[in-house]
Amino acid sequence: MSELKQKGYSGEFKESAVKLANESKQSIAQSARELGINVNTLYTWIDKYSKPKDPAMKTDEHIYDEVKRLKKELVRVTQERDLLKKAAAYFAKDSG
């Protein structure tokens, strides 16, 4: 029975691969092929090494994305609250 062996890459190699992928004008898939790694592996590294280690060091883009996400969540929660208010009023009127 053959076992799959996982290749080990140094942290330096991973960070260099992420830097290459982010700064290159070519696609992530093409960068992965040139590096001889699986494209999903490169995406995993990009996700891991592109995020700021300290939350206080977030970039403007990360802050913008967070604000955008929170605004969407606020709209959803507000709609949910309004629906629940209407349902409560309906059932209170119906039972009383």
PDB file of N, CA and C in Angstrom:
ATOM      1  N   MET A   1       0.838  -1.166   0.000  1.00  0.00           N
ATOM      2  CA  MET A   1       0.000   0.000   0.000  1.00  0.00           C
ATOM      3  C   MET A   1       0.894   1.243   0.000  1.00  0.00           C
ATOM      4  N   SER A   2       0.622   2.160  -0.901  1.00  0.00           N
ATOM      5  CA  SER A   2       1.451   3.361  -0.948  1.00  0.00           C
ATOM      6  C   SER A   2       0.830   4.455  -0.093  1.00  0.00           C
ATOM      7  N   GLU A   3       1.684   5.169   0.576  1.00  0.00           N
ATOM      8  CA  GLU A   3       1.233   6.271   1.418  1.00  0.00           C
ATOM      9  C   GLU A   3       1.579   7.586   0.737  1.00  0.00           C
ATOM     10  N   LEU A   4       0.688   8.546   0.867  1.00  0.00           N
ATOM     11  CA  LEU A   4       0.961   9.869   0.330  1.00  0.00           C
ATOM     12  C   LEU A   4       1.874  10.602   1.295  1.00  0.00           C
ATOM     13  N   LYS A   5       2.924  11.163   0.760  1.00  0.00           N
ATOM     14  CA  LYS A   5       3.835  11.931   1.600  1.00  0.00           C
ATOM     15  C   LYS A   5       3.609  13.412   1.326  1.00  0.00           C
ATOM     16  N   GLN A   6       3.492  14.149   2.379  1.00  0.00           N
ATOM     17  CA  GLN A   6       3.277  15.577   2.265  1.00  0.00           C
ATOM     18  C   GLN A   6       4.635  16.269   2.174  1.00  0.00           C
ATOM     19  N   LYS A   7       4.770  17.131   1.167  1.00  0.00           N
ATOM     20  CA  LYS A   7       6.011  17.884   1.030  1.00  0.00           C
ATOM     21  C   LYS A   7       6.063  18.940   2.124  1.00  0.00           C
ATOM     22  N   GLY A   8       7.239  19.149   2.650  1.00  0.00           N
ATOM     23  CA  GLY A   8       7.409  20.189   3.657  1.00  0.00           C
ATOM     24  C   GLY A   8       8.066  21.403   3.032  1.00  0.00           C
ATOM     25  N   TYR A   9       7.470  22.534   3.210  1.00  0.00           N
ATOM     26  CA  TYR A   9       8.027  23.774   2.688  1.00  0.00           C
ATOM     27  C   TYR A   9       8.360  24.688   3.857  1.00  0.00           C
ATOM     28  N   SER A  10       9.454  25.399   3.724  1.00  0.00           N
ATOM     29  CA  SER A  10       9.853  26.317   4.791  1.00  0.00           C
ATOM     30  C   SER A  10       8.921  27.528   4.803  1.00  0.00           C
ATOM     31  N   GLY A  11       8.860  28.172   5.947  1.00  0.00           N
ATOM     32  CA  GLY A  11       8.060  29.385   6.071  1.00  0.00           C
ATOM     33  C   GLY A  11       8.533  30.463   5.114  1.00  0.00           C
ATOM     34  N   GLU A  12       9.846  30.519   4.909  1.00  0.00           N
ATOM     35  CA  GLU A  12      10.420  31.503   3.997  1.00  0.00           C
ATOM     36  C   GLU A  12       9.933  31.265   2.571  1.00  0.00           C
ATOM     37  N   PHE A  13       9.906  29.977   2.154  1.00  0.00           N
ATOM     38  CA  PHE A  13       9.430  29.639   0.818  1.00  0.00           C
ATOM     39  C   PHE A  13       7.961  30.031   0.667  1.00  0.00           C
ATOM     40  N   LYS A  14       7.165  29.724   1.690  1.00  0.00           N
ATOM     41  CA  LYS A  14       5.735  30.032   1.644  1.00  0.00           C
ATOM     42  C   LYS A  14       5.505  31.535   1.516  1.00  0.00           C
ATOM     43  N   GLU A  15       6.224  32.314   2.325  1.00  0.00           N
ATOM     44  CA  GLU A  15       6.070  33.767   2.276  1.00  0.00           C
ATOM     45  C   GLU A  15       6.524  34.328   0.932  1.00  0.00           C
ATOM     46  N   SER A  16       7.594  33.761   0.376  1.00  0.00           N
ATOM     47  CA  SER A  16       8.065  34.199  -0.940  1.00  0.00           C
ATOM     48  C   SER A  16       7.039  33.864  -2.017  1.00  0.00           C
ATOM     49  N   ALA A  17       6.434  32.690  -1.907  1.00  0.00           N
ATOM     50  CA  ALA A  17       5.411  32.278  -2.873  1.00  0.00           C
ATOM     51  C   ALA A  17       4.210  33.217  -2.814  1.00  0.00           C
ATOM     52  N   VAL A  18       3.805  33.584  -1.615  1.00  0.00           N
ATOM     53  CA  VAL A  18       2.672  34.503  -1.443  1.00  0.00           C
ATOM     54  C   VAL A  18       3.016  35.869  -2.021  1.00  0.00           C
ATOM     55  N   LYS A  19       4.214  36.337  -1.752  1.00  0.00           N
ATOM     56  CA  LYS A  19       4.647  37.636  -2.271  1.00  0.00           C
ATOM     57  C   LYS A  19       4.652  37.623  -3.797  1.00  0.00           C
ATOM     58  N   LEU A  20       5.178  36.544  -4.375  1.00  0.00           N
ATOM     59  CA  LEU A  20       5.205  36.408  -5.830  1.00  0.00           C
ATOM     60  C   LEU A  20       3.786  36.421  -6.389  1.00  0.00           C
ATOM     61  N   ALA A  21       2.897  35.649  -5.776  1.00  0.00           N
ATOM     62  CA  ALA A  21       1.516  35.558  -6.259  1.00  0.00           C
ATOM     63  C   ALA A  21       0.799  36.903  -6.155  1.00  0.00           C
ATOM     64  N   ASN A  22       1.026  37.623  -5.078  1.00  0.00           N
ATOM     65  CA  ASN A  22       0.348  38.906  -4.872  1.00  0.00           C
ATOM     66  C   ASN A  22       0.887  40.014  -5.767  1.00  0.00           C
ATOM     67  N   GLU A  23       2.177  39.978  -6.055  1.00  0.00           N
ATOM     68  CA  GLU A  23       2.794  41.064  -6.818  1.00  0.00           C
ATOM     69  C   GLU A  23       2.858  40.788  -8.311  1.00  0.00           C
ATOM     70  N   SER A  24       2.652  39.547  -8.698  1.00  0.00           N
ATOM     71  CA  SER A  24       2.743  39.165 -10.100  1.00  0.00           C
ATOM     72  C   SER A  24       1.486  39.573 -10.853  1.00  0.00           C
ATOM     73  N   LYS A  25       1.643  39.838 -12.136  1.00  0.00           N
ATOM     74  CA  LYS A  25       0.496  40.173 -12.975  1.00  0.00           C
ATOM     75  C   LYS A  25      -0.184  38.915 -13.508  1.00  0.00           C
ATOM     76  N   GLN A  26       0.426  37.764 -13.264  1.00  0.00           N
ATOM     77  CA  GLN A  26      -0.165  36.511 -13.738  1.00  0.00           C
ATOM     78  C   GLN A  26      -1.150  35.961 -12.717  1.00  0.00           C
ATOM     79  N   SER A  27      -1.908  34.961 -13.132  1.00  0.00           N
ATOM     80  CA  SER A  27      -2.923  34.388 -12.248  1.00  0.00           C
ATOM     81  C   SER A  27      -2.271  33.598 -11.117  1.00  0.00           C
ATOM     82  N   ILE A  28      -3.059  33.348 -10.075  1.00  0.00           N
ATOM     83  CA  ILE A  28      -2.587  32.543  -8.946  1.00  0.00           C
ATOM     84  C   ILE A  28      -2.261  31.137  -9.440  1.00  0.00           C
ATOM     85  N   ALA A  29      -3.115  30.613 -10.324  1.00  0.00           N
ATOM     86  CA  ALA A  29      -2.895  29.266 -10.863  1.00  0.00           C
ATOM     87  C   ALA A  29      -1.562  29.188 -11.611  1.00  0.00           C
ATOM     88  N   GLN A  30      -1.261  30.210 -12.408  1.00  0.00           N
ATOM     89  CA  GLN A  30       0.001  30.224 -13.154  1.00  0.00           C
ATOM     90  C   GLN A  30       1.186  30.327 -12.194  1.00  0.00           C
ATOM     91  N   SER A  31       1.064  31.148 -11.174  1.00  0.00           N
ATOM     92  CA  SER A  31       2.136  31.260 -10.178  1.00  0.00           C
ATOM     93  C   SER A  31       2.371  29.915  -9.499  1.00  0.00           C
ATOM     94  N   ALA A  32       1.286  29.224  -9.157  1.00  0.00           N
ATOM     95  CA  ALA A  32       1.399  27.911  -8.506  1.00  0.00           C
ATOM     96  C   ALA A  32       2.104  26.918  -9.422  1.00  0.00           C
ATOM     97  N   ARG A  33       1.739  26.918 -10.700  1.00  0.00           N
ATOM     98  CA  ARG A  33       2.398  26.003 -11.657  1.00  0.00           C
ATOM     99  C   ARG A  33       3.894  26.287 -11.733  1.00  0.00           C
ATOM    100  N   GLU A  34       4.255  27.565 -11.804  1.00  0.00           N
ATOM    101  CA  GLU A  34       5.672  27.928 -11.890  1.00  0.00           C
ATOM    102  C   GLU A  34       6.438  27.503 -10.644  1.00  0.00           C
ATOM    103  N   LEU A  35       5.773  27.554  -9.501  1.00  0.00           N
ATOM    104  CA  LEU A  35       6.416  27.162  -8.246  1.00  0.00           C
ATOM    105  C   LEU A  35       6.385  25.653  -8.028  1.00  0.00           C
ATOM    106  N   GLY A  36       5.584  24.945  -8.832  1.00  0.00           N
ATOM    107  CA  GLY A  36       5.490  23.494  -8.693  1.00  0.00           C
ATOM    108  C   GLY A  36       4.661  23.063  -7.497  1.00  0.00           C
ATOM    109  N   ILE A  37       3.667  23.880  -7.152  1.00  0.00           N
ATOM    110  CA  ILE A  37       2.802  23.540  -6.021  1.00  0.00           C
ATOM    111  C   ILE A  37       1.348  23.545  -6.474  1.00  0.00           C
ATOM    112  N   ASN A  38       0.499  22.919  -5.697  1.00  0.00           N
ATOM    113  CA  ASN A  38      -0.926  22.873  -5.982  1.00  0.00           C
ATOM    114  C   ASN A  38      -1.524  24.259  -5.777  1.00  0.00           C
ATOM    115  N   VAL A  39      -2.441  24.633  -6.652  1.00  0.00           N
ATOM    116  CA  VAL A  39      -3.046  25.963  -6.564  1.00  0.00           C
ATOM    117  C   VAL A  39      -3.797  26.147  -5.241  1.00  0.00           C
ATOM    118  N   ASN A  40      -4.436  25.086  -4.743  1.00  0.00           N
ATOM    119  CA  ASN A  40      -5.144  25.193  -3.463  1.00  0.00           C
ATOM    120  C   ASN A  40      -4.172  25.426  -2.309  1.00  0.00           C
ATOM    121  N   THR A  41      -3.002  24.828  -2.407  1.00  0.00           N
ATOM    122  CA  THR A  41      -1.972  25.045  -1.392  1.00  0.00           C
ATOM    123  C   THR A  41      -1.565  26.516  -1.379  1.00  0.00           C
ATOM    124  N   LEU A  42      -1.375  27.076  -2.570  1.00  0.00           N
ATOM    125  CA  LEU A  42      -0.986  28.484  -2.659  1.00  0.00           C
ATOM    126  C   LEU A  42      -2.087  29.388  -2.102  1.00  0.00           C
ATOM    127  N   TYR A  43      -3.334  29.081  -2.414  1.00  0.00           N
ATOM    128  CA  TYR A  43      -4.434  29.880  -1.858  1.00  0.00           C
ATOM    129  C   TYR A  43      -4.450  29.807  -0.330  1.00  0.00           C
ATOM    130  N   THR A  44      -4.172  28.633   0.216  1.00  0.00           N
ATOM    131  CA  THR A  44      -4.118  28.473   1.676  1.00  0.00           C
ATOM    132  C   THR A  44      -3.017  29.348   2.259  1.00  0.00           C
ATOM    133  N   TRP A  45      -1.860  29.327   1.624  1.00  0.00           N
ATOM    134  CA  TRP A  45      -0.743  30.150   2.096  1.00  0.00           C
ATOM    135  C   TRP A  45      -1.080  31.633   1.988  1.00  0.00           C
ATOM    136  N   ILE A  46      -1.716  32.037   0.885  1.00  0.00           N
ATOM    137  CA  ILE A  46      -2.091  33.440   0.708  1.00  0.00           C
ATOM    138  C   ILE A  46      -3.018  33.867   1.835  1.00  0.00           C
ATOM    139  N   ASP A  47      -3.986  33.014   2.145  1.00  0.00           N
ATOM    140  CA  ASP A  47      -4.919  33.321   3.228  1.00  0.00           C
ATOM    141  C   ASP A  47      -4.188  33.447   4.560  1.00  0.00           C
ATOM    142  N   LYS A  48      -3.248  32.552   4.800  1.00  0.00           N
ATOM    143  CA  LYS A  48      -2.536  32.539   6.078  1.00  0.00           C
ATOM    144  C   LYS A  48      -1.530  33.686   6.200  1.00  0.00           C
ATOM    145  N   TYR A  49      -0.746  33.915   5.168  1.00  0.00           N
ATOM    146  CA  TYR A  49       0.360  34.867   5.266  1.00  0.00           C
ATOM    147  C   TYR A  49      -0.015  36.293   4.856  1.00  0.00           C
ATOM    148  N   SER A  50      -1.176  36.498   4.256  1.00  0.00           N
ATOM    149  CA  SER A  50      -1.569  37.842   3.853  1.00  0.00           C
ATOM    150  C   SER A  50      -2.306  38.582   4.954  1.00  0.00           C
ATOM    151  N   LYS A  51      -2.837  37.854   5.922  1.00  0.00           N
ATOM    152  CA  LYS A  51      -3.577  38.486   7.007  1.00  0.00           C
ATOM    153  C   LYS A  51      -2.604  39.100   8.012  1.00  0.00           C
ATOM    154  N   PRO A  52      -2.934  40.280   8.500  1.00  0.00           N
ATOM    155  CA  PRO A  52      -2.069  40.877   9.520  1.00  0.00           C
ATOM    156  C   PRO A  52      -2.069  40.031  10.792  1.00  0.00           C
ATOM    157  N   LYS A  53      -0.898  39.865  11.378  1.00  0.00           N
ATOM    158  CA  LYS A  53      -0.776  39.055  12.588  1.00  0.00           C
ATOM    159  C   LYS A  53      -1.387  39.769  13.794  1.00  0.00           C
ATOM    160  N   ASP A  54      -1.302  41.081  13.800  1.00  0.00           N
ATOM    161  CA  ASP A  54      -1.839  41.884  14.896  1.00  0.00           C
ATOM    162  C   ASP A  54      -3.101  42.595  14.402  1.00  0.00           C
ATOM    163  N   PRO A  55      -4.238  42.373  15.048  1.00  0.00           N
ATOM    164  CA  PRO A  55      -5.466  43.021  14.590  1.00  0.00           C
ATOM    165  C   PRO A  55      -5.359  44.542  14.521  1.00  0.00           C
ATOM    166  N   ALA A  56      -4.511  45.127  15.325  1.00  0.00           N
ATOM    167  CA  ALA A  56      -4.338  46.576  15.303  1.00  0.00           C
ATOM    168  C   ALA A  56      -3.611  47.032  14.042  1.00  0.00           C
ATOM    169  N   MET A  57      -2.972  46.102  13.336  1.00  0.00           N
ATOM    170  CA  MET A  57      -2.197  46.436  12.148  1.00  0.00           C
ATOM    171  C   MET A  57      -2.982  46.183  10.857  1.00  0.00           C
ATOM    172  N   LYS A  58      -4.301  46.170  10.927  1.00  0.00           N
ATOM    173  CA  LYS A  58      -5.121  45.907   9.744  1.00  0.00           C
ATOM    174  C   LYS A  58      -4.910  47.007   8.711  1.00  0.00           C
ATOM    175  N   THR A  59      -4.933  46.602   7.448  1.00  0.00           N
ATOM    176  CA  THR A  59      -4.796  47.575   6.367  1.00  0.00           C
ATOM    177  C   THR A  59      -6.144  48.225   6.110  1.00  0.00           C
ATOM    178  N   ASP A  60      -6.126  49.285   5.345  1.00  0.00           N
ATOM    179  CA  ASP A  60      -7.365  49.971   4.996  1.00  0.00           C
ATOM    180  C   ASP A  60      -8.323  49.022   4.285  1.00  0.00           C
ATOM    181  N   GLU A  61      -7.786  48.148   3.439  1.00  0.00           N
ATOM    182  CA  GLU A  61      -8.632  47.205   2.705  1.00  0.00           C
ATOM    183  C   GLU A  61      -9.335  46.248   3.663  1.00  0.00           C
ATOM    184  N   HIS A  62      -8.609  45.760   4.658  1.00  0.00           N
ATOM    185  CA  HIS A  62      -9.222  44.866   5.641  1.00  0.00           C
ATOM    186  C   HIS A  62     -10.309  45.598   6.429  1.00  0.00           C
ATOM    187  N   ILE A  63     -10.042  46.841   6.770  1.00  0.00           N
ATOM    188  CA  ILE A  63     -11.020  47.635   7.512  1.00  0.00           C
ATOM    189  C   ILE A  63     -12.248  47.888   6.641  1.00  0.00           C
ATOM    190  N   TYR A  64     -12.036  48.211   5.372  1.00  0.00           N
ATOM    191  CA  TYR A  64     -13.140  48.433   4.440  1.00  0.00           C
ATOM    192  C   TYR A  64     -13.993  47.175   4.320  1.00  0.00           C
ATOM    193  N   ASP A  65     -13.355  46.017   4.162  1.00  0.00           N
ATOM    194  CA  ASP A  65     -14.083  44.748   4.061  1.00  0.00           C
ATOM    195  C   ASP A  65     -14.886  44.469   5.324  1.00  0.00           C
ATOM    196  N   GLU A  66     -14.304  44.764   6.469  1.00  0.00           N
ATOM    197  CA  GLU A  66     -14.993  44.537   7.741  1.00  0.00           C
ATOM    198  C   GLU A  66     -16.207  45.463   7.871  1.00  0.00           C
ATOM    199  N   VAL A  67     -16.061  46.721   7.488  1.00  0.00           N
ATOM    200  CA  VAL A  67     -17.180  47.667   7.542  1.00  0.00           C
ATOM    201  C   VAL A  67     -18.290  47.214   6.599  1.00  0.00           C
ATOM    202  N   LYS A  68     -17.912  46.787   5.416  1.00  0.00           N
ATOM    203  CA  LYS A  68     -18.886  46.304   4.431  1.00  0.00           C
ATOM    204  C   LYS A  68     -19.654  45.097   4.978  1.00  0.00           C
ATOM    205  N   ARG A  69     -18.947  44.166   5.581  1.00  0.00           N
ATOM    206  CA  ARG A  69     -19.574  42.974   6.151  1.00  0.00           C
ATOM    207  C   ARG A  69     -20.521  43.357   7.287  1.00  0.00           C
ATOM    208  N   LEU A  70     -20.070  44.271   8.142  1.00  0.00           N
ATOM    209  CA  LEU A  70     -20.896  44.689   9.274  1.00  0.00           C
ATOM    210  C   LEU A  70     -22.149  45.442   8.827  1.00  0.00           C
ATOM    211  N   LYS A  71     -22.039  46.235   7.764  1.00  0.00           N
ATOM    212  CA  LYS A  71     -23.217  46.938   7.246  1.00  0.00           C
ATOM    213  C   LYS A  71     -24.250  45.943   6.723  1.00  0.00           C
ATOM    214  N   LYS A  72     -23.787  44.919   6.016  1.00  0.00           N
ATOM    215  CA  LYS A  72     -24.706  43.888   5.521  1.00  0.00           C
ATOM    216  C   LYS A  72     -25.383  43.172   6.684  1.00  0.00           C
ATOM    217  N   GLU A  73     -24.604  42.858   7.697  1.00  0.00           N
ATOM    218  CA  GLU A  73     -25.158  42.181   8.865  1.00  0.00           C
ATOM    219  C   GLU A  73     -26.173  43.080   9.574  1.00  0.00           C
ATOM    220  N   LEU A  74     -25.892  44.372   9.660  1.00  0.00           N
ATOM    221  CA  LEU A  74     -26.813  45.313  10.297  1.00  0.00           C
ATOM    222  C   LEU A  74     -28.139  45.359   9.549  1.00  0.00           C
ATOM    223  N   VAL A  75     -28.091  45.394   8.227  1.00  0.00           N
ATOM    224  CA  VAL A  75     -29.317  45.400   7.425  1.00  0.00           C
ATOM    225  C   VAL A  75     -30.121  44.133   7.697  1.00  0.00           C
ATOM    226  N   ARG A  76     -29.451  42.992   7.708  1.00  0.00           N
ATOM    227  CA  ARG A  76     -30.132  41.716   7.938  1.00  0.00           C
ATOM    228  C   ARG A  76     -30.772  41.678   9.324  1.00  0.00           C
ATOM    229  N   VAL A  77     -30.034  42.083  10.330  1.00  0.00           N
ATOM    230  CA  VAL A  77     -30.539  42.045  11.708  1.00  0.00           C
ATOM    231  C   VAL A  77     -31.689  43.039  11.886  1.00  0.00           C
ATOM    232  N   THR A  78     -31.597  44.203  11.256  1.00  0.00           N
ATOM    233  CA  THR A  78     -32.671  45.195  11.338  1.00  0.00           C
ATOM    234  C   THR A  78     -33.946  44.655  10.697  1.00  0.00           C
ATOM    235  N   GLN A  79     -33.812  44.019   9.532  1.00  0.00           N
ATOM    236  CA  GLN A  79     -34.978  43.425   8.873  1.00  0.00           C
ATOM    237  C   GLN A  79     -35.586  42.320   9.735  1.00  0.00           C
ATOM    238  N   GLU A  80     -34.734  41.529  10.330  1.00  0.00           N
ATOM    239  CA  GLU A  80     -35.199  40.450  11.204  1.00  0.00           C
ATOM    240  C   GLU A  80     -35.962  41.024  12.402  1.00  0.00           C
ATOM    241  N   ARG A  81     -35.419  42.064  13.008  1.00  0.00           N
ATOM    242  CA  ARG A  81     -36.066  42.712  14.148  1.00  0.00           C
ATOM    243  C   ARG A  81     -37.428  43.270  13.769  1.00  0.00           C
ATOM    244  N   ASP A  82     -37.493  43.957  12.618  1.00  0.00           N
ATOM    245  CA  ASP A  82     -38.759  44.539  12.170  1.00  0.00           C
ATOM    246  C   ASP A  82     -39.806  43.460  11.905  1.00  0.00           C
ATOM    247  N   LEU A  83     -39.381  42.360  11.321  1.00  0.00           N
ATOM    248  CA  LEU A  83     -40.298  41.249  11.067  1.00  0.00           C
ATOM    249  C   LEU A  83     -40.823  40.669  12.380  1.00  0.00           C
ATOM    250  N   LEU A  84     -39.943  40.516  13.343  1.00  0.00           N
ATOM    251  CA  LEU A  84     -40.363  39.986  14.644  1.00  0.00           C
ATOM    252  C   LEU A  84     -41.319  40.942  15.358  1.00  0.00           C
ATOM    253  N   LYS A  85     -41.095  42.253  15.222  1.00  0.00           N
ATOM    254  CA  LYS A  85     -42.007  43.237  15.813  1.00  0.00           C
ATOM    255  C   LYS A  85     -43.402  43.103  15.206  1.00  0.00           C
ATOM    256  N   LYS A  86     -43.446  42.978  13.872  1.00  0.00           N
ATOM    257  CA  LYS A  86     -44.735  42.841  13.189  1.00  0.00           C
ATOM    258  C   LYS A  86     -45.428  41.547  13.597  1.00  0.00           C
ATOM    259  N   ALA A  87     -44.668  40.473  13.697  1.00  0.00           N
ATOM    260  CA  ALA A  87     -45.245  39.184  14.096  1.00  0.00           C
ATOM    261  C   ALA A  87     -45.776  39.257  15.520  1.00  0.00           C
ATOM    262  N   ALA A  88     -45.046  39.896  16.413  1.00  0.00           N
ATOM    263  CA  ALA A  88     -45.485  40.025  17.807  1.00  0.00           C
ATOM    264  C   ALA A  88     -46.765  40.854  17.881  1.00  0.00           C
ATOM    265  N   ALA A  89     -46.837  41.937  17.110  1.00  0.00           N
ATOM    266  CA  ALA A  89     -48.036  42.779  17.101  1.00  0.00           C
ATOM    267  C   ALA A  89     -49.223  42.005  16.540  1.00  0.00           C
ATOM    268  N   TYR A  90     -49.004  41.234  15.493  1.00  0.00           N
ATOM    269  CA  TYR A  90     -50.072  40.436  14.884  1.00  0.00           C
ATOM    270  C   TYR A  90     -50.619  39.416  15.872  1.00  0.00           C
ATOM    271  N   PHE A  91     -49.739  38.683  16.524  1.00  0.00           N
ATOM    272  CA  PHE A  91     -50.187  37.651  17.458  1.00  0.00           C
ATOM    273  C   PHE A  91     -50.805  38.259  18.725  1.00  0.00           C
ATOM    274  N   ALA A  92     -50.329  39.424  19.144  1.00  0.00           N
ATOM    275  CA  ALA A  92     -50.907  40.093  20.312  1.00  0.00           C
ATOM    276  C   ALA A  92     -52.325  40.562  19.994  1.00  0.00           C
ATOM    277  N   LYS A  93     -52.523  41.078  18.785  1.00  0.00           N
ATOM    278  CA  LYS A  93     -53.842  41.544  18.353  1.00  0.00           C
ATOM    279  C   LYS A  93     -54.791  40.352  18.182  1.00  0.00           C
ATOM    280  N   ASP A  94     -54.262  39.260  17.637  1.00  0.00           N
ATOM    281  CA  ASP A  94     -55.056  38.066  17.365  1.00  0.00           C
ATOM    282  C   ASP A  94     -55.524  37.392  18.655  1.00  0.00           C
ATOM    283  N   SER A  95     -54.691  37.396  19.686  1.00  0.00           N
ATOM    284  CA  SER A  95     -55.039  36.714  20.941  1.00  0.00           C
ATOM    285  C   SER A  95     -55.786  37.621  21.917  1.00  0.00           C
ATOM    286  N   GLY A  96     -55.793  38.900  21.694  1.00  0.00           N
ATOM    287  CA  GLY A  96     -56.353  39.821  22.674  1.00  0.00           C
ATOM    288  C   GLY A  96     -57.605  40.400  22.263  1.00  0.00           C
TER     289      GLY A  96
END
